[in-house]
Every structure is written in structure tokens, then in C-alpha cells.
Amino acid sequence: MNVLIIDDDHRNIFALKTALKSRGITANGILNGKEGLEILRNDPSVDVVLLDMMMPEFDGFEVLEEMQSLSQVKLPAVIAVTAKAMKGDRERCLLAGAKGYVSKPVDIDLLIAEIKQVLRHG
């Protein structure tokens, strides 16, 4: 399994990569949405994207919107990751195109379960 982490905080990327690696999952991280989209255009091996929804300049909602226009490539499942777990956030992320949702601080067991779920249901 190949996971792409798009998050503007390198500490979050490091923590998620380390936790996923300990579970035998390959993960790479990128610090902004535009570079993440470029990777998705060119790397069909990405199975799941962990997408920080609250990034400056180009947030997760904008990334999701741009992903919809990438019809020429197979899109991976997106799991929205957000620190602002407010009422209605999960629904807003799912309506925007995410297939799953986890809040920060990320519980790695819940994240693994969410990854498995989104991969099962496409």
C-alpha cells in the first residue's frame, strides 16, 4: 500500500510516516497541495491520500476540487485529516469528495481502520 501525506507541517508528516511504516505501510509526504496534485498526476501507485484540510494558500478543499478535474488519472481514496474537529466538519469533507475522515491528534489504530475501509469501498 502506498500512502501520500499532504500536510503543511513537517512534524505531522514525520509522525504519520513513522507510524504507518511501523505497520508496514509505505508513506511519502509533501508540504503543500499543489505539489501533492503534481505527484497524483504522475504517480499512479498512490492508493490513499491523507489530506490536511487546513493548509494555508491552497487548502484541502481546493485540493479535492482540483483532484476532481484529474479525470485522466486513477484517483486514490482521500482521507481528510483536520485539527478543527467541529460539528459538521466530517460531512463537509465527505461532500467535498473525501472518502474518509480523521481528526488530529490522529489515533493510528483508527487511521488504519479508516484506510482499510476506504480501500474496501473505493
PDB file of N, CA and C in Angstrom:
ATOM      1  N   MET A   1       0.847  -1.173   0.000  1.00  0.00           N
ATOM      2  CA  MET A   1       0.000   0.000   0.000  1.00  0.00           C
ATOM      3  C   MET A   1       0.894   1.239   0.000  1.00  0.00           C
ATOM      4  N   ASN A   2       0.503   2.222  -0.782  1.00  0.00           N
ATOM      5  CA  ASN A   2       1.278   3.450  -0.925  1.00  0.00           C
ATOM      6  C   ASN A   2       0.404   4.638  -0.517  1.00  0.00           C
ATOM      7  N   VAL A   3       0.831   5.353   0.521  1.00  0.00           N
ATOM      8  CA  VAL A   3       0.079   6.480   1.061  1.00  0.00           C
ATOM      9  C   VAL A   3       0.845   7.769   0.795  1.00  0.00           C
ATOM     10  N   LEU A   4       0.135   8.793   0.330  1.00  0.00           N
ATOM     11  CA  LEU A   4       0.700  10.128   0.174  1.00  0.00           C
ATOM     12  C   LEU A   4       0.091  11.024   1.242  1.00  0.00           C
ATOM     13  N   ILE A   5       0.948  11.643   2.037  1.00  0.00           N
ATOM     14  CA  ILE A   5       0.508  12.568   3.083  1.00  0.00           C
ATOM     15  C   ILE A   5       0.722  13.981   2.570  1.00  0.00           C
ATOM     16  N   ILE A   6      -0.343  14.770   2.521  1.00  0.00           N
ATOM     17  CA  ILE A   6      -0.240  16.174   2.136  1.00  0.00           C
ATOM     18  C   ILE A   6      -0.601  16.997   3.366  1.00  0.00           C
ATOM     19  N   ASP A   7       0.415  17.641   3.938  1.00  0.00           N
ATOM     20  CA  ASP A   7       0.240  18.387   5.186  1.00  0.00           C
ATOM     21  C   ASP A   7       1.287  19.488   5.215  1.00  0.00           C
ATOM     22  N   ASP A   8       0.923  20.670   5.664  1.00  0.00           N
ATOM     23  CA  ASP A   8       1.859  21.793   5.678  1.00  0.00           C
ATOM     24  C   ASP A   8       2.815  21.771   6.871  1.00  0.00           C
ATOM     25  N   ASP A   9       2.695  20.792   7.742  1.00  0.00           N
ATOM     26  CA  ASP A   9       3.561  20.697   8.916  1.00  0.00           C
ATOM     27  C   ASP A   9       4.431  19.438   8.819  1.00  0.00           C
ATOM     28  N   HIS A  10       5.731  19.640   8.672  1.00  0.00           N
ATOM     29  CA  HIS A  10       6.636  18.502   8.511  1.00  0.00           C
ATOM     30  C   HIS A  10       6.615  17.569   9.717  1.00  0.00           C
ATOM     31  N   ARG A  11       6.269  18.086  10.898  1.00  0.00           N
ATOM     32  CA  ARG A  11       6.186  17.224  12.094  1.00  0.00           C
ATOM     33  C   ARG A  11       5.039  16.235  11.971  1.00  0.00           C
ATOM     34  N   ASN A  12       3.903  16.690  11.412  1.00  0.00           N
ATOM     35  CA  ASN A  12       2.777  15.782  11.196  1.00  0.00           C
ATOM     36  C   ASN A  12       3.143  14.708  10.175  1.00  0.00           C
ATOM     37  N   ILE A  13       3.814  15.127   9.110  1.00  0.00           N
ATOM     38  CA  ILE A  13       4.236  14.165   8.086  1.00  0.00           C
ATOM     39  C   ILE A  13       5.163  13.125   8.704  1.00  0.00           C
ATOM     40  N   PHE A  14       6.155  13.589   9.461  1.00  0.00           N
ATOM     41  CA  PHE A  14       7.105  12.676  10.086  1.00  0.00           C
ATOM     42  C   PHE A  14       6.391  11.680  11.006  1.00  0.00           C
ATOM     43  N   ALA A  15       5.503  12.179  11.845  1.00  0.00           N
ATOM     44  CA  ALA A  15       4.792  11.309  12.791  1.00  0.00           C
ATOM     45  C   ALA A  15       3.926  10.280  12.062  1.00  0.00           C
ATOM     46  N   LEU A  16       3.205  10.717  11.043  1.00  0.00           N
ATOM     47  CA  LEU A  16       2.354   9.785  10.297  1.00  0.00           C
ATOM     48  C   LEU A  16       3.183   8.769   9.521  1.00  0.00           C
ATOM     49  N   LYS A  17       4.251   9.225   8.867  1.00  0.00           N
ATOM     50  CA  LYS A  17       5.115   8.302   8.124  1.00  0.00           C
ATOM     51  C   LYS A  17       5.699   7.244   9.050  1.00  0.00           C
ATOM     52  N   THR A  18       6.163   7.670  10.217  1.00  0.00           N
ATOM     53  CA  THR A  18       6.767   6.750  11.174  1.00  0.00           C
ATOM     54  C   THR A  18       5.737   5.731  11.659  1.00  0.00           C
ATOM     55  N   ALA A  19       4.555   6.206  11.996  1.00  0.00           N
ATOM     56  CA  ALA A  19       3.507   5.306  12.491  1.00  0.00           C
ATOM     57  C   ALA A  19       3.062   4.323  11.403  1.00  0.00           C
ATOM     58  N   LEU A  20       2.914   4.812  10.178  1.00  0.00           N
ATOM     59  CA  LEU A  20       2.497   3.927   9.085  1.00  0.00           C
ATOM     60  C   LEU A  20       3.593   2.919   8.745  1.00  0.00           C
ATOM     61  N   LYS A  21       4.835   3.376   8.735  1.00  0.00           N
ATOM     62  CA  LYS A  21       5.953   2.478   8.439  1.00  0.00           C
ATOM     63  C   LYS A  21       6.011   1.338   9.451  1.00  0.00           C
ATOM     64  N   SER A  22       5.727   1.653  10.715  1.00  0.00           N
ATOM     65  CA  SER A  22       5.751   0.618  11.755  1.00  0.00           C
ATOM     66  C   SER A  22       4.666  -0.441  11.524  1.00  0.00           C
ATOM     67  N   ARG A  23       3.689  -0.104  10.696  1.00  0.00           N
ATOM     68  CA  ARG A  23       2.611  -1.034  10.342  1.00  0.00           C
ATOM     69  C   ARG A  23       2.817  -1.645   8.954  1.00  0.00           C
ATOM     70  N   GLY A  24       4.007  -1.405   8.373  1.00  0.00           N
ATOM     71  CA  GLY A  24       4.324  -1.992   7.078  1.00  0.00           C
ATOM     72  C   GLY A  24       3.737  -1.251   5.894  1.00  0.00           C
ATOM     73  N   ILE A  25       3.371   0.007   6.087  1.00  0.00           N
ATOM     74  CA  ILE A  25       2.749   0.801   5.025  1.00  0.00           C
ATOM     75  C   ILE A  25       3.749   1.836   4.526  1.00  0.00           C
ATOM     76  N   THR A  26       3.939   1.883   3.213  1.00  0.00           N
ATOM     77  CA  THR A  26       4.815   2.872   2.606  1.00  0.00           C
ATOM     78  C   THR A  26       4.096   4.212   2.569  1.00  0.00           C
ATOM     79  N   ALA A  27       4.779   5.264   3.020  1.00  0.00           N
ATOM     80  CA  ALA A  27       4.178   6.596   3.015  1.00  0.00           C
ATOM     81  C   ALA A  27       5.219   7.626   2.621  1.00  0.00           C
ATOM     82  N   ASN A  28       4.772   8.593   1.843  1.00  0.00           N
ATOM     83  CA  ASN A  28       5.590   9.740   1.461  1.00  0.00           C
ATOM     84  C   ASN A  28       4.817  10.995   1.825  1.00  0.00           C
ATOM     85  N   GLY A  29       5.541  12.067   2.070  1.00  0.00           N
ATOM     86  CA  GLY A  29       4.880  13.301   2.467  1.00  0.00           C
ATOM     87  C   GLY A  29       5.280  14.466   1.592  1.00  0.00           C
ATOM     88  N   ILE A  30       4.361  15.395   1.462  1.00  0.00           N
ATOM     89  CA  ILE A  30       4.581  16.623   0.704  1.00  0.00           C
ATOM     90  C   ILE A  30       3.956  17.763   1.506  1.00  0.00           C
ATOM     91  N   LEU A  31       4.579  18.936   1.449  1.00  0.00           N
ATOM     92  CA  LEU A  31       4.186  20.034   2.323  1.00  0.00           C
ATOM     93  C   LEU A  31       3.126  20.974   1.769  1.00  0.00           C
ATOM     94  N   ASN A  32       2.655  20.765   0.537  1.00  0.00           N
ATOM     95  CA  ASN A  32       1.577  21.627   0.047  1.00  0.00           C
ATOM     96  C   ASN A  32       0.736  20.919  -1.004  1.00  0.00           C
ATOM     97  N   GLY A  33      -0.463  21.432  -1.169  1.00  0.00           N
ATOM     98  CA  GLY A  33      -1.437  20.800  -2.055  1.00  0.00           C
ATOM     99  C   GLY A  33      -1.057  20.816  -3.519  1.00  0.00           C
ATOM    100  N   LYS A  34      -0.444  21.884  -3.983  1.00  0.00           N
ATOM    101  CA  LYS A  34      -0.079  21.965  -5.403  1.00  0.00           C
ATOM    102  C   LYS A  34       0.941  20.899  -5.773  1.00  0.00           C
ATOM    103  N   GLU A  35       1.949  20.701  -4.926  1.00  0.00           N
ATOM    104  CA  GLU A  35       2.928  19.649  -5.187  1.00  0.00           C
ATOM    105  C   GLU A  35       2.282  18.272  -5.059  1.00  0.00           C
ATOM    106  N   GLY A  36       1.355  18.139  -4.129  1.00  0.00           N
ATOM    107  CA  GLY A  36       0.626  16.875  -3.987  1.00  0.00           C
ATOM    108  C   GLY A  36      -0.139  16.534  -5.242  1.00  0.00           C
ATOM    109  N   LEU A  37      -0.798  17.521  -5.836  1.00  0.00           N
ATOM    110  CA  LEU A  37      -1.530  17.296  -7.090  1.00  0.00           C
ATOM    111  C   LEU A  37      -0.587  16.878  -8.211  1.00  0.00           C
ATOM    112  N   GLU A  38       0.585  17.473  -8.248  1.00  0.00           N
ATOM    113  CA  GLU A  38       1.571  17.107  -9.271  1.00  0.00           C
ATOM    114  C   GLU A  38       1.985  15.645  -9.119  1.00  0.00           C
ATOM    115  N   ILE A  39       2.183  15.213  -7.888  1.00  0.00           N
ATOM    116  CA  ILE A  39       2.514  13.806  -7.651  1.00  0.00           C
ATOM    117  C   ILE A  39       1.370  12.914  -8.126  1.00  0.00           C
ATOM    118  N   LEU A  40       0.142  13.282  -7.812  1.00  0.00           N
ATOM    119  CA  LEU A  40      -1.005  12.464  -8.212  1.00  0.00           C
ATOM    120  C   LEU A  40      -1.143  12.387  -9.737  1.00  0.00           C
ATOM    121  N   ARG A  41      -0.779  13.454 -10.432  1.00  0.00           N
ATOM    122  CA  ARG A  41      -0.820  13.440 -11.898  1.00  0.00           C
ATOM    123  C   ARG A  41       0.187  12.449 -12.481  1.00  0.00           C
ATOM    124  N   ASN A  42       1.300  12.263 -11.781  1.00  0.00           N
ATOM    125  CA  ASN A  42       2.414  11.500 -12.334  1.00  0.00           C
ATOM    126  C   ASN A  42       2.695  10.161 -11.671  1.00  0.00           C
ATOM    127  N   ASP A  43       2.036   9.853 -10.570  1.00  0.00           N
ATOM    128  CA  ASP A  43       2.327   8.614  -9.847  1.00  0.00           C
ATOM    129  C   ASP A  43       1.045   7.821  -9.597  1.00  0.00           C
ATOM    130  N   PRO A  44       0.737   6.888 -10.489  1.00  0.00           N
ATOM    131  CA  PRO A  44      -0.489   6.102 -10.328  1.00  0.00           C
ATOM    132  C   PRO A  44      -0.421   5.068  -9.204  1.00  0.00           C
ATOM    133  N   SER A  45       0.726   4.959  -8.535  1.00  0.00           N
ATOM    134  CA  SER A  45       0.855   3.953  -7.476  1.00  0.00           C
ATOM    135  C   SER A  45       0.285   4.410  -6.138  1.00  0.00           C
ATOM    136  N   VAL A  46      -0.135   5.672  -6.027  1.00  0.00           N
ATOM    137  CA  VAL A  46      -0.686   6.167  -4.763  1.00  0.00           C
ATOM    138  C   VAL A  46      -2.085   5.566  -4.565  1.00  0.00           C
ATOM    139  N   ASP A  47      -2.258   4.881  -3.434  1.00  0.00           N
ATOM    140  CA  ASP A  47      -3.540   4.235  -3.120  1.00  0.00           C
ATOM    141  C   ASP A  47      -4.443   5.114  -2.267  1.00  0.00           C
ATOM    142  N   VAL A  48      -3.830   5.853  -1.346  1.00  0.00           N
ATOM    143  CA  VAL A  48      -4.579   6.663  -0.386  1.00  0.00           C
ATOM    144  C   VAL A  48      -3.843   7.979  -0.167  1.00  0.00           C
ATOM    145  N   VAL A  49      -4.610   9.062  -0.063  1.00  0.00           N
ATOM    146  CA  VAL A  49      -4.058  10.370   0.287  1.00  0.00           C
ATOM    147  C   VAL A  49      -4.598  10.756   1.657  1.00  0.00           C
ATOM    148  N   LEU A  50      -3.684  11.103   2.568  1.00  0.00           N
ATOM    149  CA  LEU A  50      -4.078  11.688   3.847  1.00  0.00           C
ATOM    150  C   LEU A  50      -3.925  13.186   3.662  1.00  0.00           C
ATOM    151  N   LEU A  51      -5.039  13.892   3.631  1.00  0.00           N
ATOM    152  CA  LEU A  51      -5.059  15.294   3.220  1.00  0.00           C
ATOM    153  C   LEU A  51      -5.419  16.215   4.372  1.00  0.00           C
ATOM    154  N   ASP A  52      -4.456  17.050   4.758  1.00  0.00           N
ATOM    155  CA  ASP A  52      -4.709  18.079   5.768  1.00  0.00           C
ATOM    156  C   ASP A  52      -5.678  19.091   5.150  1.00  0.00           C
ATOM    157  N   MET A  53      -6.761  19.349   5.802  1.00  0.00           N
ATOM    158  CA  MET A  53      -7.783  20.227   5.239  1.00  0.00           C
ATOM    159  C   MET A  53      -7.515  21.700   5.509  1.00  0.00           C
ATOM    160  N   MET A  54      -6.691  22.011   6.492  1.00  0.00           N
ATOM    161  CA  MET A  54      -6.488  23.404   6.891  1.00  0.00           C
ATOM    162  C   MET A  54      -5.065  23.869   6.586  1.00  0.00           C
ATOM    163  N   MET A  55      -4.697  23.878   5.312  1.00  0.00           N
ATOM    164  CA  MET A  55      -3.381  24.365   4.903  1.00  0.00           C
ATOM    165  C   MET A  55      -3.522  25.793   4.385  1.00  0.00           C
ATOM    166  N   PRO A  56      -2.483  26.605   4.563  1.00  0.00           N
ATOM    167  CA  PRO A  56      -2.540  27.970   4.028  1.00  0.00           C
ATOM    168  C   PRO A  56      -2.419  27.966   2.504  1.00  0.00           C
ATOM    169  N   GLU A  57      -2.882  29.004   1.888  1.00  0.00           N
ATOM    170  CA  GLU A  57      -2.782  29.250   0.447  1.00  0.00           C
ATOM    171  C   GLU A  57      -3.629  28.317  -0.406  1.00  0.00           C
ATOM    172  N   PHE A  58      -3.490  27.019  -0.243  1.00  0.00           N
ATOM    173  CA  PHE A  58      -4.202  26.042  -1.072  1.00  0.00           C
ATOM    174  C   PHE A  58      -4.658  24.928  -0.141  1.00  0.00           C
ATOM    175  N   ASP A  59      -5.863  25.076   0.413  1.00  0.00           N
ATOM    176  CA  ASP A  59      -6.292  24.144   1.458  1.00  0.00           C
ATOM    177  C   ASP A  59      -6.798  22.821   0.893  1.00  0.00           C
ATOM    178  N   GLY A  60      -7.138  21.917   1.791  1.00  0.00           N
ATOM    179  CA  GLY A  60      -7.583  20.589   1.392  1.00  0.00           C
ATOM    180  C   GLY A  60      -8.835  20.595   0.536  1.00  0.00           C
ATOM    181  N   PHE A  61      -9.718  21.542   0.762  1.00  0.00           N
ATOM    182  CA  PHE A  61     -10.930  21.613  -0.055  1.00  0.00           C
ATOM    183  C   PHE A  61     -10.582  21.988  -1.494  1.00  0.00           C
ATOM    184  N   GLU A  62      -9.617  22.882  -1.654  1.00  0.00           N
ATOM    185  CA  GLU A  62      -9.171  23.247  -3.003  1.00  0.00           C
ATOM    186  C   GLU A  62      -8.458  22.080  -3.679  1.00  0.00           C
ATOM    187  N   VAL A  63      -7.695  21.316  -2.910  1.00  0.00           N
ATOM    188  CA  VAL A  63      -7.029  20.130  -3.456  1.00  0.00           C
ATOM    189  C   VAL A  63      -8.081  19.129  -3.940  1.00  0.00           C
ATOM    190  N   LEU A  64      -9.095  18.885  -3.131  1.00  0.00           N
ATOM    191  CA  LEU A  64     -10.162  17.960  -3.523  1.00  0.00           C
ATOM    192  C   LEU A  64     -10.859  18.424  -4.803  1.00  0.00           C
ATOM    193  N   GLU A  65     -11.119  19.713  -4.900  1.00  0.00           N
ATOM    194  CA  GLU A  65     -11.762  20.260  -6.090  1.00  0.00           C
ATOM    195  C   GLU A  65     -10.886  20.049  -7.327  1.00  0.00           C
ATOM    196  N   GLU A  66      -9.602  20.327  -7.192  1.00  0.00           N
ATOM    197  CA  GLU A  66      -8.674  20.127  -8.312  1.00  0.00           C
ATOM    198  C   GLU A  66      -8.557  18.650  -8.684  1.00  0.00           C
ATOM    199  N   MET A  67      -8.587  17.780  -7.689  1.00  0.00           N
ATOM    200  CA  MET A  67      -8.497  16.341  -7.964  1.00  0.00           C
ATOM    201  C   MET A  67      -9.633  15.880  -8.859  1.00  0.00           C
ATOM    202  N   GLN A  68     -10.809  16.466  -8.684  1.00  0.00           N
ATOM    203  CA  GLN A  68     -11.957  16.075  -9.498  1.00  0.00           C
ATOM    204  C   GLN A  68     -11.716  16.340 -10.978  1.00  0.00           C
ATOM    205  N   SER A  69     -10.841  17.313 -11.285  1.00  0.00           N
ATOM    206  CA  SER A  69     -10.558  17.639 -12.682  1.00  0.00           C
ATOM    207  C   SER A  69      -9.483  16.737 -13.286  1.00  0.00           C
ATOM    208  N   LEU A  70      -8.908  15.866 -12.481  1.00  0.00           N
ATOM    209  CA  LEU A  70      -7.873  14.954 -12.972  1.00  0.00           C
ATOM    210  C   LEU A  70      -8.508  13.677 -13.524  1.00  0.00           C
ATOM    211  N   SER A  71      -9.433  13.825 -14.422  1.00  0.00           N
ATOM    212  CA  SER A  71     -10.172  12.668 -14.925  1.00  0.00           C
ATOM    213  C   SER A  71      -9.293  11.703 -15.704  1.00  0.00           C
ATOM    214  N   GLN A  72      -8.128  12.163 -16.173  1.00  0.00           N
ATOM    215  CA  GLN A  72      -7.267  11.303 -16.961  1.00  0.00           C
ATOM    216  C   GLN A  72      -6.451  10.332 -16.099  1.00  0.00           C
ATOM    217  N   VAL A  73      -6.492  10.495 -14.788  1.00  0.00           N
ATOM    218  CA  VAL A  73      -5.737   9.606 -13.917  1.00  0.00           C
ATOM    219  C   VAL A  73      -6.666   8.910 -12.929  1.00  0.00           C
ATOM    220  N   LYS A  74      -6.252   7.723 -12.497  1.00  0.00           N
ATOM    221  CA  LYS A  74      -6.994   6.993 -11.471  1.00  0.00           C
ATOM    222  C   LYS A  74      -6.759   7.704 -10.140  1.00  0.00           C
ATOM    223  N   LEU A  75      -7.817   8.158  -9.548  1.00  0.00           N
ATOM    224  CA  LEU A  75      -7.692   8.909  -8.297  1.00  0.00           C
ATOM    225  C   LEU A  75      -7.660   7.972  -7.096  1.00  0.00           C
ATOM    226  N   PRO A  76      -6.748   8.226  -6.186  1.00  0.00           N
ATOM    227  CA  PRO A  76      -6.723   7.443  -4.953  1.00  0.00           C
ATOM    228  C   PRO A  76      -7.835   7.898  -4.008  1.00  0.00           C
ATOM    229  N   ALA A  77      -8.113   7.062  -3.025  1.00  0.00           N
ATOM    230  CA  ALA A  77      -9.064   7.439  -1.986  1.00  0.00           C
ATOM    231  C   ALA A  77      -8.428   8.522  -1.124  1.00  0.00           C
ATOM    232  N   VAL A  78      -9.225   9.498  -0.710  1.00  0.00           N
ATOM    233  CA  VAL A  78      -8.733  10.597   0.131  1.00  0.00           C
ATOM    234  C   VAL A  78      -9.360  10.494   1.510  1.00  0.00           C
ATOM    235  N   ILE A  79      -8.499  10.587   2.514  1.00  0.00           N
ATOM    236  CA  ILE A  79      -8.964  10.678   3.895  1.00  0.00           C
ATOM    237  C   ILE A  79      -8.624  12.079   4.382  1.00  0.00           C
ATOM    238  N   ALA A  80      -9.648  12.836   4.740  1.00  0.00           N
ATOM    239  CA  ALA A  80      -9.456  14.185   5.264  1.00  0.00           C
ATOM    240  C   ALA A  80      -8.900  14.089   6.679  1.00  0.00           C
ATOM    241  N   VAL A  81      -7.895  14.911   6.952  1.00  0.00           N
ATOM    242  CA  VAL A  81      -7.285  14.967   8.284  1.00  0.00           C
ATOM    243  C   VAL A  81      -7.368  16.416   8.745  1.00  0.00           C
ATOM    244  N   THR A  82      -7.989  16.632   9.894  1.00  0.00           N
ATOM    245  CA  THR A  82      -8.133  18.013  10.354  1.00  0.00           C
ATOM    246  C   THR A  82      -8.015  18.121  11.862  1.00  0.00           C
ATOM    247  N   ALA A  83      -7.437  19.235  12.284  1.00  0.00           N
ATOM    248  CA  ALA A  83      -7.318  19.509  13.719  1.00  0.00           C
ATOM    249  C   ALA A  83      -8.562  20.213  14.235  1.00  0.00           C
ATOM    250  N   LYS A  84      -9.313  20.805  13.351  1.00  0.00           N
ATOM    251  CA  LYS A  84     -10.518  21.525  13.753  1.00  0.00           C
ATOM    252  C   LYS A  84     -11.717  20.603  13.629  1.00  0.00           C
ATOM    253  N   ALA A  85     -11.886  19.757  14.608  1.00  0.00           N
ATOM    254  CA  ALA A  85     -12.979  18.797  14.589  1.00  0.00           C
ATOM    255  C   ALA A  85     -14.247  19.460  15.133  1.00  0.00           C
ATOM    256  N   MET A  86     -14.851  20.272  14.299  1.00  0.00           N
ATOM    257  CA  MET A  86     -16.069  20.971  14.704  1.00  0.00           C
ATOM    258  C   MET A  86     -17.280  20.254  14.115  1.00  0.00           C
ATOM    259  N   LYS A  87     -18.416  20.513  14.700  1.00  0.00           N
ATOM    260  CA  LYS A  87     -19.655  19.905  14.235  1.00  0.00           C
ATOM    261  C   LYS A  87     -19.844  20.201  12.740  1.00  0.00           C
ATOM    262  N   GLY A  88     -20.096  19.161  11.977  1.00  0.00           N
ATOM    263  CA  GLY A  88     -20.333  19.309  10.550  1.00  0.00           C
ATOM    264  C   GLY A  88     -19.084  19.185   9.683  1.00  0.00           C
ATOM    265  N   ASP A  89     -17.885  19.164  10.299  1.00  0.00           N
ATOM    266  CA  ASP A  89     -16.649  19.062   9.514  1.00  0.00           C
ATOM    267  C   ASP A  89     -16.589  17.765   8.713  1.00  0.00           C
ATOM    268  N   ARG A  90     -16.908  16.671   9.362  1.00  0.00           N
ATOM    269  CA  ARG A  90     -16.836  15.373   8.676  1.00  0.00           C
ATOM    270  C   ARG A  90     -17.726  15.383   7.440  1.00  0.00           C
ATOM    271  N   GLU A  91     -18.949  15.827   7.598  1.00  0.00           N
ATOM    272  CA  GLU A  91     -19.902  15.854   6.490  1.00  0.00           C
ATOM    273  C   GLU A  91     -19.422  16.779   5.377  1.00  0.00           C
ATOM    274  N   ARG A  92     -18.870  17.931   5.752  1.00  0.00           N
ATOM    275  CA  ARG A  92     -18.367  18.884   4.764  1.00  0.00           C
ATOM    276  C   ARG A  92     -17.222  18.258   3.945  1.00  0.00           C
ATOM    277  N   CYS A  93     -16.327  17.555   4.619  1.00  0.00           N
ATOM    278  CA  CYS A  93     -15.206  16.903   3.931  1.00  0.00           C
ATOM    279  C   CYS A  93     -15.689  15.799   2.995  1.00  0.00           C
ATOM    280  N   LEU A  94     -16.653  15.013   3.461  1.00  0.00           N
ATOM    281  CA  LEU A  94     -17.187  13.932   2.627  1.00  0.00           C
ATOM    282  C   LEU A  94     -17.931  14.489   1.414  1.00  0.00           C
ATOM    283  N   LEU A  95     -18.677  15.569   1.605  1.00  0.00           N
ATOM    284  CA  LEU A  95     -19.377  16.203   0.486  1.00  0.00           C
ATOM    285  C   LEU A  95     -18.395  16.780  -0.540  1.00  0.00           C
ATOM    286  N   ALA A  96     -17.230  17.198  -0.071  1.00  0.00           N
ATOM    287  CA  ALA A  96     -16.216  17.773  -0.960  1.00  0.00           C
ATOM    288  C   ALA A  96     -15.476  16.702  -1.764  1.00  0.00           C
ATOM    289  N   GLY A  97     -15.647  15.426  -1.375  1.00  0.00           N
ATOM    290  CA  GLY A  97     -15.024  14.356  -2.144  1.00  0.00           C
ATOM    291  C   GLY A  97     -14.133  13.409  -1.369  1.00  0.00           C
ATOM    292  N   ALA A  98     -13.899  13.695  -0.090  1.00  0.00           N
ATOM    293  CA  ALA A  98     -13.113  12.766   0.719  1.00  0.00           C
ATOM    294  C   ALA A  98     -13.927  11.493   0.949  1.00  0.00           C
ATOM    295  N   LYS A  99     -13.232  10.381   1.050  1.00  0.00           N
ATOM    296  CA  LYS A  99     -13.895   9.092   1.307  1.00  0.00           C
ATOM    297  C   LYS A  99     -13.867   8.721   2.781  1.00  0.00           C
ATOM    298  N   GLY A 100     -13.010   9.415   3.555  1.00  0.00           N
ATOM    299  CA  GLY A 100     -12.893   9.141   4.972  1.00  0.00           C
ATOM    300  C   GLY A 100     -12.489  10.394   5.709  1.00  0.00           C
ATOM    301  N   TYR A 101     -12.472  10.317   7.043  1.00  0.00           N
ATOM    302  CA  TYR A 101     -12.209  11.495   7.866  1.00  0.00           C
ATOM    303  C   TYR A 101     -11.599  11.050   9.188  1.00  0.00           C
ATOM    304  N   VAL A 102     -10.507  11.709   9.595  1.00  0.00           N
ATOM    305  CA  VAL A 102      -9.940  11.518  10.932  1.00  0.00           C
ATOM    306  C   VAL A 102      -9.551  12.882  11.470  1.00  0.00           C
ATOM    307  N   SER A 103      -9.601  13.026  12.788  1.00  0.00           N
ATOM    308  CA  SER A 103      -9.215  14.301  13.396  1.00  0.00           C
ATOM    309  C   SER A 103      -7.863  14.152  14.092  1.00  0.00           C
ATOM    310  N   LYS A 104      -7.180  15.283  14.213  1.00  0.00           N
ATOM    311  CA  LYS A 104      -5.900  15.336  14.914  1.00  0.00           C
ATOM    312  C   LYS A 104      -6.159  15.602  16.389  1.00  0.00           C
ATOM    313  N   PRO A 105      -5.360  15.102  17.279  1.00  0.00           N
ATOM    314  CA  PRO A 105      -4.245  14.203  17.018  1.00  0.00           C
ATOM    315  C   PRO A 105      -4.761  12.853  16.521  1.00  0.00           C
ATOM    316  N   VAL A 106      -4.068  12.319  15.525  1.00  0.00           N
ATOM    317  CA  VAL A 106      -4.524  11.109  14.848  1.00  0.00           C
ATOM    318  C   VAL A 106      -4.276   9.883  15.722  1.00  0.00           C
ATOM    319  N   ASP A 107      -5.330   9.118  15.927  1.00  0.00           N
ATOM    320  CA  ASP A 107      -5.228   7.810  16.578  1.00  0.00           C
ATOM    321  C   ASP A 107      -4.862   6.833  15.470  1.00  0.00           C
ATOM    322  N   ILE A 108      -3.659   6.270  15.520  1.00  0.00           N
ATOM    323  CA  ILE A 108      -3.161   5.449  14.420  1.00  0.00           C
ATOM    324  C   ILE A 108      -4.028   4.210  14.173  1.00  0.00           C
ATOM    325  N   ASP A 109      -4.586   3.623  15.217  1.00  0.00           N
ATOM    326  CA  ASP A 109      -5.458   2.458  15.021  1.00  0.00           C
ATOM    327  C   ASP A 109      -6.728   2.850  14.261  1.00  0.00           C
ATOM    328  N   LEU A 110      -7.292   4.009  14.609  1.00  0.00           N
ATOM    329  CA  LEU A 110      -8.468   4.492  13.877  1.00  0.00           C
ATOM    330  C   LEU A 110      -8.105   4.844  12.435  1.00  0.00           C
ATOM    331  N   LEU A 111      -6.918   5.414  12.237  1.00  0.00           N
ATOM    332  CA  LEU A 111      -6.477   5.749  10.886  1.00  0.00           C
ATOM    333  C   LEU A 111      -6.323   4.496  10.035  1.00  0.00           C
ATOM    334  N   ILE A 112      -5.695   3.470  10.577  1.00  0.00           N
ATOM    335  CA  ILE A 112      -5.526   2.214   9.834  1.00  0.00           C
ATOM    336  C   ILE A 112      -6.888   1.629   9.484  1.00  0.00           C
ATOM    337  N   ALA A 113      -7.812   1.653  10.421  1.00  0.00           N
ATOM    338  CA  ALA A 113      -9.165   1.152  10.153  1.00  0.00           C
ATOM    339  C   ALA A 113      -9.834   1.972   9.047  1.00  0.00           C
ATOM    340  N   GLU A 114      -9.643   3.287   9.072  1.00  0.00           N
ATOM    341  CA  GLU A 114     -10.229   4.169   8.051  1.00  0.00           C
ATOM    342  C   GLU A 114      -9.602   3.889   6.681  1.00  0.00           C
ATOM    343  N   ILE A 115      -8.291   3.692   6.656  1.00  0.00           N
ATOM    344  CA  ILE A 115      -7.612   3.362   5.385  1.00  0.00           C
ATOM    345  C   ILE A 115      -8.187   2.078   4.809  1.00  0.00           C
ATOM    346  N   LYS A 116      -8.291   1.057   5.642  1.00  0.00           N
ATOM    347  CA  LYS A 116      -8.838  -0.233   5.177  1.00  0.00           C
ATOM    348  C   LYS A 116     -10.260  -0.071   4.666  1.00  0.00           C
ATOM    349  N   GLN A 117     -11.050   0.719   5.377  1.00  0.00           N
ATOM    350  CA  GLN A 117     -12.445   0.944   4.985  1.00  0.00           C
ATOM    351  C   GLN A 117     -12.549   1.631   3.625  1.00  0.00           C
ATOM    352  N   VAL A 118     -11.776   2.710   3.419  1.00  0.00           N
ATOM    353  CA  VAL A 118     -11.891   3.438   2.149  1.00  0.00           C
ATOM    354  C   VAL A 118     -11.361   2.603   0.991  1.00  0.00           C
ATOM    355  N   LEU A 119     -10.361   1.773   1.249  1.00  0.00           N
ATOM    356  CA  LEU A 119      -9.856   0.909   0.172  1.00  0.00           C
ATOM    357  C   LEU A 119     -10.851  -0.188  -0.178  1.00  0.00           C
ATOM    358  N   ARG A 120     -11.560  -0.683   0.821  1.00  0.00           N
ATOM    359  CA  ARG A 120     -12.585  -1.714   0.584  1.00  0.00           C
ATOM    360  C   ARG A 120     -13.747  -1.177  -0.230  1.00  0.00           C
ATOM    361  N   HIS A 121     -14.139   0.062   0.061  1.00  0.00           N
ATOM    362  CA  HIS A 121     -15.332   0.625  -0.572  1.00  0.00           C
ATOM    363  C   HIS A 121     -15.025   1.584  -1.698  1.00  0.00           C
ATOM    364  N   GLY A 122     -13.747   1.711  -2.032  1.00  0.00           N
ATOM    365  CA  GLY A 122     -13.353   2.554  -3.169  1.00  0.00           C
ATOM    366  C   GLY A 122     -13.736   3.940  -2.976  1.00  0.00           C
TER     367      GLY A 122
END
